[in-house]
Amino acid sequence: MRKNLILNSILLVLLITISFVAYTSYTLETEKRAFKEDAIELSDIR
């Protein structure tokens, strides 16, 4: 019983960590895409 509790706790921590990393990665990639689009738009002005 105690072994299951420890395993479930570890899995929960892993799930939370993976979710946080995925969200952070998505946010950074969205910002990166926006900066890239802005750079393309500025290069077309010339």
PDB file of N, CA and C in Angstrom:
ATOM      1  N   MET A   1       0.826  -1.198   0.000  1.00  0.00           N
ATOM      2  CA  MET A   1       0.000   0.000   0.000  1.00  0.00           C
ATOM      3  C   MET A   1       0.867   1.257   0.000  1.00  0.00           C
ATOM      4  N   ARG A   2       1.873   1.277   0.848  1.00  0.00           N
ATOM      5  CA  ARG A   2       2.750   2.453   0.936  1.00  0.00           C
ATOM      6  C   ARG A   2       3.555   2.622  -0.339  1.00  0.00           C
ATOM      7  N   LYS A   3       3.906   1.489  -0.957  1.00  0.00           N
ATOM      8  CA  LYS A   3       4.676   1.533  -2.206  1.00  0.00           C
ATOM      9  C   LYS A   3       3.855   2.192  -3.313  1.00  0.00           C
ATOM     10  N   ASN A   4       2.570   1.896  -3.374  1.00  0.00           N
ATOM     11  CA  ASN A   4       1.687   2.516  -4.367  1.00  0.00           C
ATOM     12  C   ASN A   4       1.563   4.012  -4.141  1.00  0.00           C
ATOM     13  N   LEU A   5       1.500   4.424  -2.888  1.00  0.00           N
ATOM     14  CA  LEU A   5       1.389   5.840  -2.557  1.00  0.00           C
ATOM     15  C   LEU A   5       2.632   6.603  -3.015  1.00  0.00           C
ATOM     16  N   ILE A   6       3.800   6.026  -2.766  1.00  0.00           N
ATOM     17  CA  ILE A   6       5.056   6.662  -3.188  1.00  0.00           C
ATOM     18  C   ILE A   6       5.122   6.726  -4.706  1.00  0.00           C
ATOM     19  N   LEU A   7       4.765   5.636  -5.376  1.00  0.00           N
ATOM     20  CA  LEU A   7       4.788   5.602  -6.841  1.00  0.00           C
ATOM     21  C   LEU A   7       3.816   6.621  -7.427  1.00  0.00           C
ATOM     22  N   ASN A   8       2.623   6.708  -6.866  1.00  0.00           N
ATOM     23  CA  ASN A   8       1.631   7.677  -7.346  1.00  0.00           C
ATOM     24  C   ASN A   8       2.102   9.110  -7.121  1.00  0.00           C
ATOM     25  N   SER A   9       2.769   9.344  -6.006  1.00  0.00           N
ATOM     26  CA  SER A   9       3.296  10.679  -5.728  1.00  0.00           C
ATOM     27  C   SER A   9       4.371  11.058  -6.733  1.00  0.00           C
ATOM     28  N   ILE A  10       5.253  10.127  -7.027  1.00  0.00           N
ATOM     29  CA  ILE A  10       6.310  10.386  -8.008  1.00  0.00           C
ATOM     30  C   ILE A  10       5.712  10.645  -9.388  1.00  0.00           C
ATOM     31  N   LEU A  11       4.732   9.853  -9.767  1.00  0.00           N
ATOM     32  CA  LEU A  11       4.089  10.042 -11.068  1.00  0.00           C
ATOM     33  C   LEU A  11       3.359  11.382 -11.143  1.00  0.00           C
ATOM     34  N   LEU A  12       2.748  11.796 -10.062  1.00  0.00           N
ATOM     35  CA  LEU A  12       2.062  13.081 -10.027  1.00  0.00           C
ATOM     36  C   LEU A  12       3.057  14.228 -10.186  1.00  0.00           C
ATOM     37  N   VAL A  13       4.185  14.144  -9.496  1.00  0.00           N
ATOM     38  CA  VAL A  13       5.216  15.181  -9.621  1.00  0.00           C
ATOM     39  C   VAL A  13       5.740  15.214 -11.059  1.00  0.00           C
ATOM     40  N   LEU A  14       5.971  14.062 -11.656  1.00  0.00           N
ATOM     41  CA  LEU A  14       6.426  14.011 -13.047  1.00  0.00           C
ATOM     42  C   LEU A  14       5.396  14.621 -13.996  1.00  0.00           C
ATOM     43  N   LEU A  15       4.135  14.322 -13.789  1.00  0.00           N
ATOM     44  CA  LEU A  15       3.077  14.865 -14.630  1.00  0.00           C
ATOM     45  C   LEU A  15       3.023  16.386 -14.531  1.00  0.00           C
ATOM     46  N   ILE A  16       3.120  16.903 -13.323  1.00  0.00           N
ATOM     47  CA  ILE A  16       3.094  18.354 -13.130  1.00  0.00           C
ATOM     48  C   ILE A  16       4.305  18.996 -13.784  1.00  0.00           C
ATOM     49  N   THR A  17       5.480  18.385 -13.626  1.00  0.00           N
ATOM     50  CA  THR A  17       6.706  18.918 -14.220  1.00  0.00           C
ATOM     51  C   THR A  17       6.628  18.913 -15.747  1.00  0.00           C
ATOM     52  N   ILE A  18       6.173  17.823 -16.311  1.00  0.00           N
ATOM     53  CA  ILE A  18       6.057  17.730 -17.773  1.00  0.00           C
ATOM     54  C   ILE A  18       5.040  18.743 -18.293  1.00  0.00           C
ATOM     55  N   SER A  19       3.948  18.913 -17.582  1.00  0.00           N
ATOM     56  CA  SER A  19       2.940  19.892 -18.002  1.00  0.00           C
ATOM     57  C   SER A  19       3.510  21.304 -17.984  1.00  0.00           C
ATOM     58  N   PHE A  20       4.257  21.641 -16.932  1.00  0.00           N
ATOM     59  CA  PHE A  20       4.855  22.963 -16.825  1.00  0.00           C
ATOM     60  C   PHE A  20       5.861  23.201 -17.946  1.00  0.00           C
ATOM     61  N   VAL A  21       6.698  22.212 -18.235  1.00  0.00           N
ATOM     62  CA  VAL A  21       7.698  22.345 -19.292  1.00  0.00           C
ATOM     63  C   VAL A  21       7.013  22.470 -20.656  1.00  0.00           C
ATOM     64  N   ALA A  22       5.965  21.717 -20.888  1.00  0.00           N
ATOM     65  CA  ALA A  22       5.243  21.799 -22.153  1.00  0.00           C
ATOM     66  C   ALA A  22       4.600  23.172 -22.332  1.00  0.00           C
ATOM     67  N   TYR A  23       3.995  23.702 -21.279  1.00  0.00           N
ATOM     68  CA  TYR A  23       3.373  25.020 -21.355  1.00  0.00           C
ATOM     69  C   TYR A  23       4.419  26.107 -21.601  1.00  0.00           C
ATOM     70  N   THR A  24       5.542  26.026 -20.893  1.00  0.00           N
ATOM     71  CA  THR A  24       6.616  26.999 -21.070  1.00  0.00           C
ATOM     72  C   THR A  24       7.171  26.941 -22.483  1.00  0.00           C
ATOM     73  N   SER A  25       7.370  25.734 -22.982  1.00  0.00           N
ATOM     74  CA  SER A  25       7.877  25.566 -24.340  1.00  0.00           C
ATOM     75  C   SER A  25       6.900  26.142 -25.366  1.00  0.00           C
ATOM     76  N   TYR A  26       5.609  25.887 -25.187  1.00  0.00           N
ATOM     77  CA  TYR A  26       4.601  26.415 -26.093  1.00  0.00           C
ATOM     78  C   TYR A  26       4.600  27.940 -26.078  1.00  0.00           C
ATOM     79  N   THR A  27       4.687  28.520 -24.894  1.00  0.00           N
ATOM     80  CA  THR A  27       4.698  29.979 -24.764  1.00  0.00           C
ATOM     81  C   THR A  27       5.917  30.581 -25.449  1.00  0.00           C
ATOM     82  N   LEU A  28       7.083  29.984 -25.228  1.00  0.00           N
ATOM     83  CA  LEU A  28       8.305  30.499 -25.843  1.00  0.00           C
ATOM     84  C   LEU A  28       8.264  30.369 -27.359  1.00  0.00           C
ATOM     85  N   GLU A  29       7.754  29.263 -27.862  1.00  0.00           N
ATOM     86  CA  GLU A  29       7.665  29.081 -29.312  1.00  0.00           C
ATOM     87  C   GLU A  29       6.682  30.067 -29.934  1.00  0.00           C
ATOM     88  N   THR A  30       5.607  30.383 -29.233  1.00  0.00           N
ATOM     89  CA  THR A  30       4.650  31.369 -29.722  1.00  0.00           C
ATOM     90  C   THR A  30       5.299  32.744 -29.815  1.00  0.00           C
ATOM     91  N   GLU A  31       6.050  33.126 -28.780  1.00  0.00           N
ATOM     92  CA  GLU A  31       6.758  34.407 -28.800  1.00  0.00           C
ATOM     93  C   GLU A  31       7.809  34.427 -29.906  1.00  0.00           C
ATOM     94  N   LYS A  32       8.511  33.330 -30.071  1.00  0.00           N
ATOM     95  CA  LYS A  32       9.538  33.227 -31.107  1.00  0.00           C
ATOM     96  C   LYS A  32       8.915  33.407 -32.503  1.00  0.00           C
ATOM     97  N   ARG A  33       7.756  32.782 -32.710  1.00  0.00           N
ATOM     98  CA  ARG A  33       7.071  32.913 -33.999  1.00  0.00           C
ATOM     99  C   ARG A  33       6.658  34.357 -34.247  1.00  0.00           C
ATOM    100  N   ALA A  34       6.181  35.032 -33.204  1.00  0.00           N
ATOM    101  CA  ALA A  34       5.761  36.430 -33.340  1.00  0.00           C
ATOM    102  C   ALA A  34       6.953  37.320 -33.674  1.00  0.00           C
ATOM    103  N   PHE A  35       8.088  37.096 -32.994  1.00  0.00           N
ATOM    104  CA  PHE A  35       9.287  37.880 -33.288  1.00  0.00           C
ATOM    105  C   PHE A  35       9.766  37.643 -34.715  1.00  0.00           C
ATOM    106  N   LYS A  36       9.679  36.394 -35.162  1.00  0.00           N
ATOM    107  CA  LYS A  36      10.099  36.065 -36.526  1.00  0.00           C
ATOM    108  C   LYS A  36       9.205  36.769 -37.549  1.00  0.00           C
ATOM    109  N   GLU A  37       7.898  36.763 -37.298  1.00  0.00           N
ATOM    110  CA  GLU A  37       6.971  37.448 -38.200  1.00  0.00           C
ATOM    111  C   GLU A  37       7.241  38.948 -38.219  1.00  0.00           C
ATOM    112  N   ASP A  38       7.546  39.515 -37.057  1.00  0.00           N
ATOM    113  CA  ASP A  38       7.869  40.943 -36.988  1.00  0.00           C
ATOM    114  C   ASP A  38       9.147  41.248 -37.764  1.00  0.00           C
ATOM    115  N   ALA A  39      10.141  40.393 -37.653  1.00  0.00           N
ATOM    116  CA  ALA A  39      11.405  40.594 -38.369  1.00  0.00           C
ATOM    117  C   ALA A  39      11.191  40.513 -39.880  1.00  0.00           C
ATOM    118  N   ILE A  40      10.356  39.604 -40.310  1.00  0.00           N
ATOM    119  CA  ILE A  40      10.054  39.490 -41.744  1.00  0.00           C
ATOM    120  C   ILE A  40       9.330  40.742 -42.223  1.00  0.00           C
ATOM    121  N   GLU A  41       8.384  41.205 -41.421  1.00  0.00           N
ATOM    122  CA  GLU A  41       7.632  42.410 -41.790  1.00  0.00           C
ATOM    123  C   GLU A  41       8.564  43.631 -41.859  1.00  0.00           C
ATOM    124  N   LEU A  42       9.489  43.752 -40.915  1.00  0.00           N
ATOM    125  CA  LEU A  42      10.424  44.879 -40.934  1.00  0.00           C
ATOM    126  C   LEU A  42      11.391  44.793 -42.101  1.00  0.00           C
ATOM    127  N   SER A  43      11.781  43.600 -42.492  1.00  0.00           N
ATOM    128  CA  SER A  43      12.701  43.473 -43.614  1.00  0.00           C
ATOM    129  C   SER A  43      12.001  43.803 -44.939  1.00  0.00           C
ATOM    130  N   ASP A  44      10.693  43.656 -44.995  1.00  0.00           N
ATOM    131  CA  ASP A  44       9.956  44.007 -46.214  1.00  0.00           C
ATOM    132  C   ASP A  44       9.779  45.517 -46.374  1.00  0.00           C
ATOM    133  N   ILE A  45       9.935  46.274 -45.302  1.00  0.00           N
ATOM    134  CA  ILE A  45       9.750  47.727 -45.357  1.00  0.00           C
ATOM    135  C   ILE A  45      10.832  48.393 -46.202  1.00  0.00           C
ATOM    136  N   ARG A  46      12.038  47.859 -46.102  1.00  0.00           N
ATOM    137  CA  ARG A  46      13.137  48.451 -46.855  1.00  0.00           C
ATOM    138  C   ARG A  46      12.801  48.444 -48.288  1.00  0.00           C
TER     139      ARG A  46
END
